[in-house]
N, C-alpha and C. Protein backbone atom coordinates (compact mmCIF):
# COMPACT_ATOMS: atom_id res chain seq x y z
N MET A 1 -41.03 5.86 -28.68
CA MET A 1 -41.79 4.48 -28.96
C MET A 1 -43.04 4.52 -29.78
N LEU A 2 -42.74 3.19 -30.46
CA LEU A 2 -43.92 3.02 -30.74
C LEU A 2 -44.55 1.19 -30.66
N THR A 3 -45.42 1.38 -29.69
CA THR A 3 -46.67 0.63 -29.79
C THR A 3 -47.78 -0.15 -30.10
N ALA A 4 -47.32 -1.89 -30.72
CA ALA A 4 -48.60 -1.70 -31.65
C ALA A 4 -48.36 -3.41 -30.89
N PRO A 5 -49.98 -4.01 -30.98
CA PRO A 5 -50.62 -5.60 -30.06
C PRO A 5 -49.77 -6.61 -31.05
N THR A 6 -49.58 -7.56 -31.28
CA THR A 6 -50.14 -8.62 -31.90
C THR A 6 -50.53 -9.48 -31.26
N GLY A 7 -51.11 -10.27 -31.52
CA GLY A 7 -52.17 -10.92 -30.54
C GLY A 7 -51.80 -11.54 -28.81
N ARG A 8 -51.52 -11.60 -28.23
CA ARG A 8 -51.29 -11.64 -27.64
C ARG A 8 -50.56 -10.46 -26.55
N CYS A 9 -49.37 -10.66 -27.79
CA CYS A 9 -48.72 -9.09 -26.66
C CYS A 9 -48.40 -7.65 -27.11
N THR A 10 -47.44 -6.84 -26.44
CA THR A 10 -47.66 -6.12 -27.43
C THR A 10 -45.70 -5.88 -27.85
N VAL A 11 -45.37 -4.98 -29.29
CA VAL A 11 -43.90 -5.63 -29.63
C VAL A 11 -43.53 -3.48 -29.17
N ALA A 12 -43.13 -3.43 -28.64
CA ALA A 12 -42.26 -2.11 -28.49
C ALA A 12 -41.00 -2.49 -29.81
N TYR A 13 -41.48 -0.53 -30.94
CA TYR A 13 -39.98 -0.22 -31.45
C TYR A 13 -39.69 0.58 -31.22
N VAL A 14 -38.16 0.89 -30.58
CA VAL A 14 -37.23 2.17 -30.80
C VAL A 14 -36.74 2.03 -31.58
N ALA A 15 -37.02 3.43 -31.54
CA ALA A 15 -35.84 4.22 -32.71
C ALA A 15 -35.14 3.92 -33.14
N PRO A 16 -33.89 4.52 -33.89
CA PRO A 16 -32.61 4.32 -33.47
C PRO A 16 -32.08 5.62 -33.18
N VAL A 17 -31.43 6.19 -32.01
CA VAL A 17 -30.94 7.33 -31.78
C VAL A 17 -29.61 8.16 -32.43
N ASN A 18 -29.29 7.94 -33.73
CA ASN A 18 -27.81 9.08 -34.14
C ASN A 18 -27.78 10.21 -32.95
N ILE A 19 -26.96 9.72 -32.59
CA ILE A 19 -25.69 9.77 -30.84
C ILE A 19 -24.63 10.53 -31.78
N ASP A 20 -24.61 11.58 -32.07
CA ASP A 20 -22.51 12.13 -33.00
C ASP A 20 -21.57 12.28 -31.34
N PHE A 21 -20.55 11.27 -31.33
CA PHE A 21 -20.34 11.44 -29.87
C PHE A 21 -18.76 11.70 -30.12
N GLN A 22 -18.16 12.43 -29.94
CA GLN A 22 -16.23 12.98 -30.46
C GLN A 22 -15.88 12.13 -29.57
N GLU A 23 -14.05 11.60 -29.61
CA GLU A 23 -13.83 10.82 -29.50
C GLU A 23 -12.94 11.21 -27.87
N ASP A 24 -12.72 12.30 -28.12
CA ASP A 24 -12.18 12.98 -26.64
C ASP A 24 -13.57 13.12 -25.87
N PHE A 25 -14.28 12.88 -26.01
CA PHE A 25 -14.92 12.64 -25.12
C PHE A 25 -15.43 12.40 -23.73
N MET A 26 -15.36 13.07 -22.16
CA MET A 26 -15.48 12.69 -21.06
C MET A 26 -16.91 13.64 -20.83
N PRO A 27 -17.22 12.26 -20.17
CA PRO A 27 -18.75 12.76 -19.00
C PRO A 27 -17.89 13.81 -17.83
N PRO A 28 -18.56 15.32 -17.56
CA PRO A 28 -17.98 15.70 -16.45
C PRO A 28 -18.12 14.88 -14.87
N VAL A 29 -16.80 14.81 -14.15
CA VAL A 29 -17.48 13.50 -12.81
C VAL A 29 -18.18 15.26 -11.66
N PRO A 30 -18.73 14.52 -11.18
CA PRO A 30 -19.32 15.43 -10.04
C PRO A 30 -18.46 15.47 -8.71
N ALA A 31 -18.33 16.68 -8.15
CA ALA A 31 -17.00 17.30 -7.15
C ALA A 31 -17.24 15.95 -6.65
N ARG A 32 -18.64 15.80 -5.90
CA ARG A 32 -18.39 14.80 -4.61
C ARG A 32 -17.75 13.12 -4.79
N ARG A 33 -17.48 12.91 -6.28
CA ARG A 33 -16.97 11.55 -6.54
C ARG A 33 -15.52 11.71 -6.17
N SER A 34 -15.23 12.76 -6.59
CA SER A 34 -13.57 13.32 -6.61
C SER A 34 -13.22 12.92 -5.35
N LEU A 35 -14.36 13.79 -4.24
CA LEU A 35 -13.65 13.72 -2.94
C LEU A 35 -13.27 12.26 -2.77
N ILE A 36 -14.24 11.91 -2.84
CA ILE A 36 -14.71 9.90 -1.91
C ILE A 36 -13.67 9.83 -2.64
N LEU A 37 -13.18 9.72 -3.87
CA LEU A 37 -11.95 9.04 -4.16
C LEU A 37 -10.59 9.23 -3.89
N ALA A 38 -10.73 10.39 -3.51
CA ALA A 38 -9.65 10.95 -2.29
C ALA A 38 -9.05 10.66 -1.42
N ALA A 39 -10.50 10.58 -0.69
CA ALA A 39 -10.60 10.22 0.60
C ALA A 39 -10.31 8.97 0.75
N VAL A 40 -10.64 7.57 0.22
CA VAL A 40 -9.97 6.39 -0.24
C VAL A 40 -8.70 5.68 -0.46
N CYS A 41 -7.91 7.44 -1.44
CA CYS A 41 -6.14 6.67 -2.03
C CYS A 41 -5.79 7.37 -1.00
N LEU A 42 -5.97 8.23 0.30
CA LEU A 42 -5.36 8.20 1.39
C LEU A 42 -5.54 7.95 2.64
N ALA A 43 -6.97 6.92 2.28
CA ALA A 43 -7.09 6.07 3.06
C ALA A 43 -5.64 4.68 3.34
N ALA A 44 -5.64 5.21 1.76
CA ALA A 44 -4.55 3.07 1.05
C ALA A 44 -3.68 3.54 1.53
N PHE A 45 -3.33 5.26 1.59
CA PHE A 45 -1.71 6.24 1.19
C PHE A 45 -1.35 5.64 2.63
N ALA A 46 -1.59 6.04 3.27
CA ALA A 46 -1.93 6.03 5.25
C ALA A 46 -1.33 4.20 5.36
N ILE A 47 -2.18 3.47 5.07
CA ILE A 47 -2.31 2.16 5.10
C ILE A 47 -0.58 1.97 4.62
N ASN A 48 -0.45 1.73 3.42
CA ASN A 48 1.11 1.70 2.72
C ASN A 48 1.93 2.28 3.71
N LEU A 49 1.97 3.66 3.75
CA LEU A 49 3.20 4.30 4.98
C LEU A 49 3.50 3.45 5.96
N ASP A 50 2.25 3.07 6.29
CA ASP A 50 2.68 2.11 8.00
C ASP A 50 3.52 1.27 7.86
N THR A 51 3.42 0.61 6.98
CA THR A 51 4.37 -0.38 6.66
C THR A 51 5.43 -0.82 5.87
N THR A 52 5.51 0.44 4.65
CA THR A 52 6.86 1.18 4.58
C THR A 52 8.01 1.59 6.49
N ILE A 53 7.21 2.16 6.51
CA ILE A 53 7.52 2.79 7.95
C ILE A 53 8.15 1.57 8.54
N VAL A 54 7.39 1.03 8.71
CA VAL A 54 7.45 -0.44 10.16
C VAL A 54 8.72 -1.02 9.48
N ASN A 55 9.22 -1.78 8.10
CA ASN A 55 10.49 -2.24 7.64
C ASN A 55 11.71 -1.07 7.12
N VAL A 56 11.58 0.27 7.42
CA VAL A 56 12.72 1.45 7.47
C VAL A 56 13.09 1.00 9.10
N ALA A 57 12.29 0.79 10.20
CA ALA A 57 12.28 0.43 11.36
C ALA A 57 12.63 -0.45 12.12
N LEU A 58 12.57 -1.47 11.32
CA LEU A 58 12.86 -2.88 11.51
C LEU A 58 14.68 -3.09 12.19
N PRO A 59 15.80 -2.11 11.51
CA PRO A 59 17.04 -2.69 12.25
C PRO A 59 16.76 -1.42 14.52
N SER A 60 15.80 -0.12 14.40
CA SER A 60 15.76 0.16 15.67
C SER A 60 14.94 -0.69 16.06
N LEU A 61 14.01 -1.21 15.54
CA LEU A 61 13.17 -1.84 16.69
C LEU A 61 13.90 -3.06 17.08
N ALA A 62 14.96 -3.70 16.77
CA ALA A 62 15.73 -4.84 16.90
C ALA A 62 16.28 -4.03 18.51
N ARG A 63 17.45 -3.01 18.23
CA ARG A 63 18.18 -2.57 18.93
C ARG A 63 17.26 -1.78 20.30
N GLU A 64 16.53 -1.74 19.76
CA GLU A 64 15.75 -0.68 21.42
C GLU A 64 14.79 -1.90 22.06
N LEU A 65 14.11 -2.43 20.86
CA LEU A 65 12.57 -3.48 21.20
C LEU A 65 13.88 -5.30 22.13
N GLY A 66 14.94 -4.97 22.06
CA GLY A 66 15.51 -6.09 21.80
C GLY A 66 14.91 -7.37 21.04
N ALA A 67 14.10 -7.34 19.99
CA ALA A 67 13.21 -8.39 19.71
C ALA A 67 14.76 -8.98 18.30
N THR A 68 14.28 -9.91 18.11
CA THR A 68 14.87 -11.07 17.37
C THR A 68 14.89 -11.32 16.10
N THR A 69 15.27 -12.19 15.63
CA THR A 69 14.60 -11.94 14.33
C THR A 69 12.68 -12.68 14.19
N ARG A 70 13.51 -13.90 15.26
CA ARG A 70 11.56 -13.94 14.72
C ARG A 70 10.13 -13.36 14.81
N ASP A 71 11.09 -12.31 16.00
CA ASP A 71 10.21 -11.70 16.40
C ASP A 71 9.26 -9.80 15.44
N LEU A 72 10.92 -10.36 14.53
CA LEU A 72 11.00 -8.99 13.57
C LEU A 72 10.20 -9.19 12.60
N GLN A 73 10.76 -11.15 12.86
CA GLN A 73 9.05 -11.18 11.29
C GLN A 73 7.77 -11.38 11.72
N TRP A 74 7.07 -11.08 13.32
CA TRP A 74 6.02 -11.33 13.09
C TRP A 74 6.21 -10.06 13.49
N ILE A 75 5.94 -8.99 13.57
CA ILE A 75 5.81 -7.74 13.79
C ILE A 75 5.38 -7.62 12.19
N VAL A 76 6.29 -7.25 11.55
CA VAL A 76 6.06 -7.67 10.03
C VAL A 76 4.98 -8.68 9.38
N ASP A 77 5.11 -10.02 10.00
CA ASP A 77 3.67 -10.91 8.94
C ASP A 77 2.95 -10.84 9.94
N GLY A 78 2.76 -9.85 10.95
CA GLY A 78 1.43 -10.55 11.62
C GLY A 78 -0.10 -9.53 11.39
N TYR A 79 0.83 -7.99 10.80
CA TYR A 79 0.34 -7.04 10.33
C TYR A 79 -0.52 -8.12 8.81
N ASN A 80 0.33 -9.08 8.10
CA ASN A 80 -0.24 -8.83 6.76
C ASN A 80 -0.98 -11.04 6.64
N LEU A 81 -0.34 -11.23 7.75
CA LEU A 81 -2.00 -12.01 8.07
C LEU A 81 -2.75 -11.60 8.57
N ALA A 82 -3.37 -10.67 9.83
CA ALA A 82 -4.08 -10.50 9.68
C ALA A 82 -5.55 -10.40 8.73
N PHE A 83 -4.51 -9.02 7.83
CA PHE A 83 -4.89 -8.44 6.44
C PHE A 83 -5.59 -9.45 5.86
N ALA A 84 -5.04 -10.92 5.62
CA ALA A 84 -4.91 -11.72 4.57
C ALA A 84 -6.20 -11.60 5.10
N ALA A 85 -6.63 -12.63 6.19
CA ALA A 85 -7.09 -13.46 6.68
C ALA A 85 -8.31 -12.77 6.66
N LEU A 86 -8.94 -11.85 7.26
CA LEU A 86 -10.86 -10.69 7.28
C LEU A 86 -10.57 -10.47 5.93
N VAL A 87 -9.69 -9.91 5.38
CA VAL A 87 -10.15 -8.75 4.14
C VAL A 87 -11.79 -9.49 3.30
N LEU A 88 -12.02 -10.67 3.24
CA LEU A 88 -13.49 -10.94 2.84
C LEU A 88 -14.62 -10.92 3.33
N ALA A 89 -13.99 -10.58 5.71
CA ALA A 89 -15.24 -10.57 5.91
C ALA A 89 -15.37 -8.74 6.73
N ALA A 90 -14.48 -8.83 5.76
CA ALA A 90 -14.44 -6.59 6.23
C ALA A 90 -14.68 -6.14 4.56
N GLY A 91 -14.68 -7.28 3.57
CA GLY A 91 -15.65 -6.23 2.65
C GLY A 91 -17.22 -6.83 2.80
N SER A 92 -17.80 -7.68 3.41
CA SER A 92 -19.05 -7.98 3.55
C SER A 92 -19.73 -7.29 4.64
N LEU A 93 -18.93 -7.10 5.95
CA LEU A 93 -19.41 -6.09 7.08
C LEU A 93 -19.28 -4.69 5.55
N GLY A 94 -18.46 -4.31 4.53
CA GLY A 94 -18.56 -3.08 4.04
C GLY A 94 -20.23 -2.93 3.66
N ASP A 95 -20.85 -4.29 2.63
CA ASP A 95 -21.67 -4.28 1.80
C ASP A 95 -22.82 -4.33 2.82
N ARG A 96 -22.94 -4.48 3.72
CA ARG A 96 -23.81 -4.85 4.59
C ARG A 96 -24.57 -3.19 5.52
N PHE A 97 -23.09 -2.93 5.95
CA PHE A 97 -23.35 -1.95 6.75
C PHE A 97 -22.76 -0.39 6.40
N GLY A 98 -22.92 -0.82 5.36
CA GLY A 98 -22.02 0.54 4.09
C GLY A 98 -20.65 0.94 4.59
N ARG A 99 -20.04 1.84 3.05
CA ARG A 99 -18.67 1.11 3.03
C ARG A 99 -17.93 2.91 3.73
N ARG A 100 -18.81 3.14 3.95
CA ARG A 100 -18.84 4.98 4.65
C ARG A 100 -18.49 4.59 5.55
N PRO A 101 -19.63 3.89 6.74
CA PRO A 101 -19.29 3.49 7.89
C PRO A 101 -18.05 2.26 8.43
N ALA A 102 -18.17 1.42 7.14
CA ALA A 102 -16.82 0.16 7.52
C ALA A 102 -15.29 1.63 7.23
N LEU A 103 -15.34 1.88 6.12
CA LEU A 103 -13.16 3.01 5.90
C LEU A 103 -13.35 3.73 7.55
N LEU A 104 -14.85 4.35 7.93
CA LEU A 104 -14.32 4.93 9.26
C LEU A 104 -14.02 4.43 10.06
N VAL A 105 -14.99 3.14 10.74
CA VAL A 105 -14.44 1.83 12.20
C VAL A 105 -12.87 1.65 11.86
N GLY A 106 -12.40 1.19 10.15
CA GLY A 106 -10.97 0.87 9.52
C GLY A 106 -10.01 1.70 10.42
N LEU A 107 -10.46 2.59 9.64
CA LEU A 107 -9.28 4.01 9.93
C LEU A 107 -9.04 4.77 11.25
N THR A 108 -10.19 4.48 12.15
CA THR A 108 -9.84 5.32 13.52
C THR A 108 -9.47 3.99 14.58
N GLY A 109 -9.83 2.56 14.02
CA GLY A 109 -9.09 1.43 14.85
C GLY A 109 -7.62 1.64 14.70
N PHE A 110 -7.87 1.61 12.54
CA PHE A 110 -6.13 1.55 12.98
C PHE A 110 -4.93 2.26 12.79
N ALA A 111 -5.80 3.66 13.82
CA ALA A 111 -4.91 4.76 13.91
C ALA A 111 -5.18 5.01 16.30
N MET A 112 -5.94 4.08 16.42
CA MET A 112 -5.88 4.23 18.03
C MET A 112 -4.50 2.61 17.47
N ALA A 113 -4.43 1.05 16.97
CA ALA A 113 -3.41 0.22 16.97
C ALA A 113 -2.19 0.83 16.78
N SER A 114 -2.69 2.31 15.93
CA SER A 114 -0.85 2.73 15.94
C SER A 114 0.02 3.31 16.90
N ALA A 115 -1.21 4.43 16.99
CA ALA A 115 -0.90 4.04 18.77
C ALA A 115 -0.45 4.16 19.86
N ALA A 116 -0.84 3.20 19.63
CA ALA A 116 -0.78 1.89 21.26
C ALA A 116 0.49 1.22 20.43
N GLY A 117 0.33 1.37 19.27
CA GLY A 117 1.37 0.68 18.50
C GLY A 117 3.77 1.24 19.14
N ALA A 118 2.98 2.16 19.07
CA ALA A 118 3.99 3.33 19.21
C ALA A 118 4.86 3.42 21.03
N LEU A 119 3.75 3.55 21.04
CA LEU A 119 3.37 2.98 23.14
C LEU A 119 4.19 1.88 23.21
N CYS A 120 4.76 0.45 22.37
CA CYS A 120 4.91 -0.96 23.00
C CYS A 120 6.04 -0.50 23.48
N GLN A 121 6.22 -1.59 24.13
CA GLN A 121 8.10 -1.87 25.20
C GLN A 121 8.54 -2.73 25.29
N SER A 122 7.94 -3.96 24.28
CA SER A 122 8.11 -5.23 24.36
C SER A 122 7.89 -5.49 22.73
N PRO A 123 8.01 -6.81 22.51
CA PRO A 123 8.31 -6.80 21.00
C PRO A 123 6.51 -7.58 21.36
N GLY A 124 6.34 -8.77 22.03
CA GLY A 124 5.43 -9.25 22.22
C GLY A 124 4.32 -8.15 22.14
N SER A 125 3.88 -6.99 22.84
CA SER A 125 3.34 -5.96 22.87
C SER A 125 3.19 -5.10 21.39
N LEU A 126 4.08 -5.28 20.85
CA LEU A 126 3.98 -4.57 19.76
C LEU A 126 3.51 -5.49 18.80
N ILE A 127 3.79 -6.96 18.21
CA ILE A 127 3.55 -7.76 17.96
C ILE A 127 1.60 -7.89 17.77
N ALA A 128 1.31 -7.94 18.47
CA ALA A 128 -0.43 -8.41 19.39
C ALA A 128 -0.60 -6.02 18.81
N ALA A 129 -0.17 -5.89 18.60
CA ALA A 129 -0.43 -4.00 18.10
C ALA A 129 -1.16 -4.32 16.52
N ARG A 130 0.64 -4.59 15.80
CA ARG A 130 0.19 -4.79 14.52
C ARG A 130 -0.69 -5.89 13.89
N VAL A 131 -0.90 -6.75 15.25
CA VAL A 131 -1.77 -7.35 14.38
C VAL A 131 -3.66 -6.96 14.24
N VAL A 132 -3.57 -6.24 15.71
CA VAL A 132 -5.11 -5.44 14.92
C VAL A 132 -5.13 -4.63 14.33
N MET A 133 -4.47 -3.50 13.94
CA MET A 133 -4.07 -2.16 12.37
C MET A 133 -4.17 -3.90 11.28
N GLY A 134 -3.17 -4.56 11.23
CA GLY A 134 -3.75 -5.86 10.10
C GLY A 134 -5.31 -5.69 10.02
N ALA A 135 -5.95 -6.67 11.28
CA ALA A 135 -7.65 -5.98 11.25
C ALA A 135 -8.10 -5.35 11.19
N PHE A 136 -7.73 -4.16 11.58
CA PHE A 136 -8.69 -2.49 11.56
C PHE A 136 -8.40 -2.13 9.52
N ALA A 137 -6.61 -2.72 8.55
CA ALA A 137 -6.56 -2.36 7.90
C ALA A 137 -7.21 -2.37 6.24
N ASP A 138 -8.24 -3.06 7.27
CA ASP A 138 -9.23 -3.92 6.03
C ASP A 138 -10.66 -3.02 5.79
């Protein structure tokens, strides 16, 4: 880089550099980034798998818990409602306190609420557990 004074300011001139990249050139990805991506994908997979399991289990939930159609709708939608309502707030908390702690708190709370949901004996308690799961899934 060459600098030359011109009156009151200094002008910098950067000579163009001829870099010849191949079309298929991809910079190497560090192993740490790959592990982070795998952890985030696994967390998203676990949350989506839970939603699939609940949808498949709806007939059994209606039989074993005596859940009405309204209860079954709340079991599914309570999760989605809490998730949608808190996604922006969870993103702000992740920005403020760090993404890794936010992910760990979310996964821990989701796992604990999921375990509590597995032990529920009434539709109302399962709905409450699903709402808590949706809050932590953000």
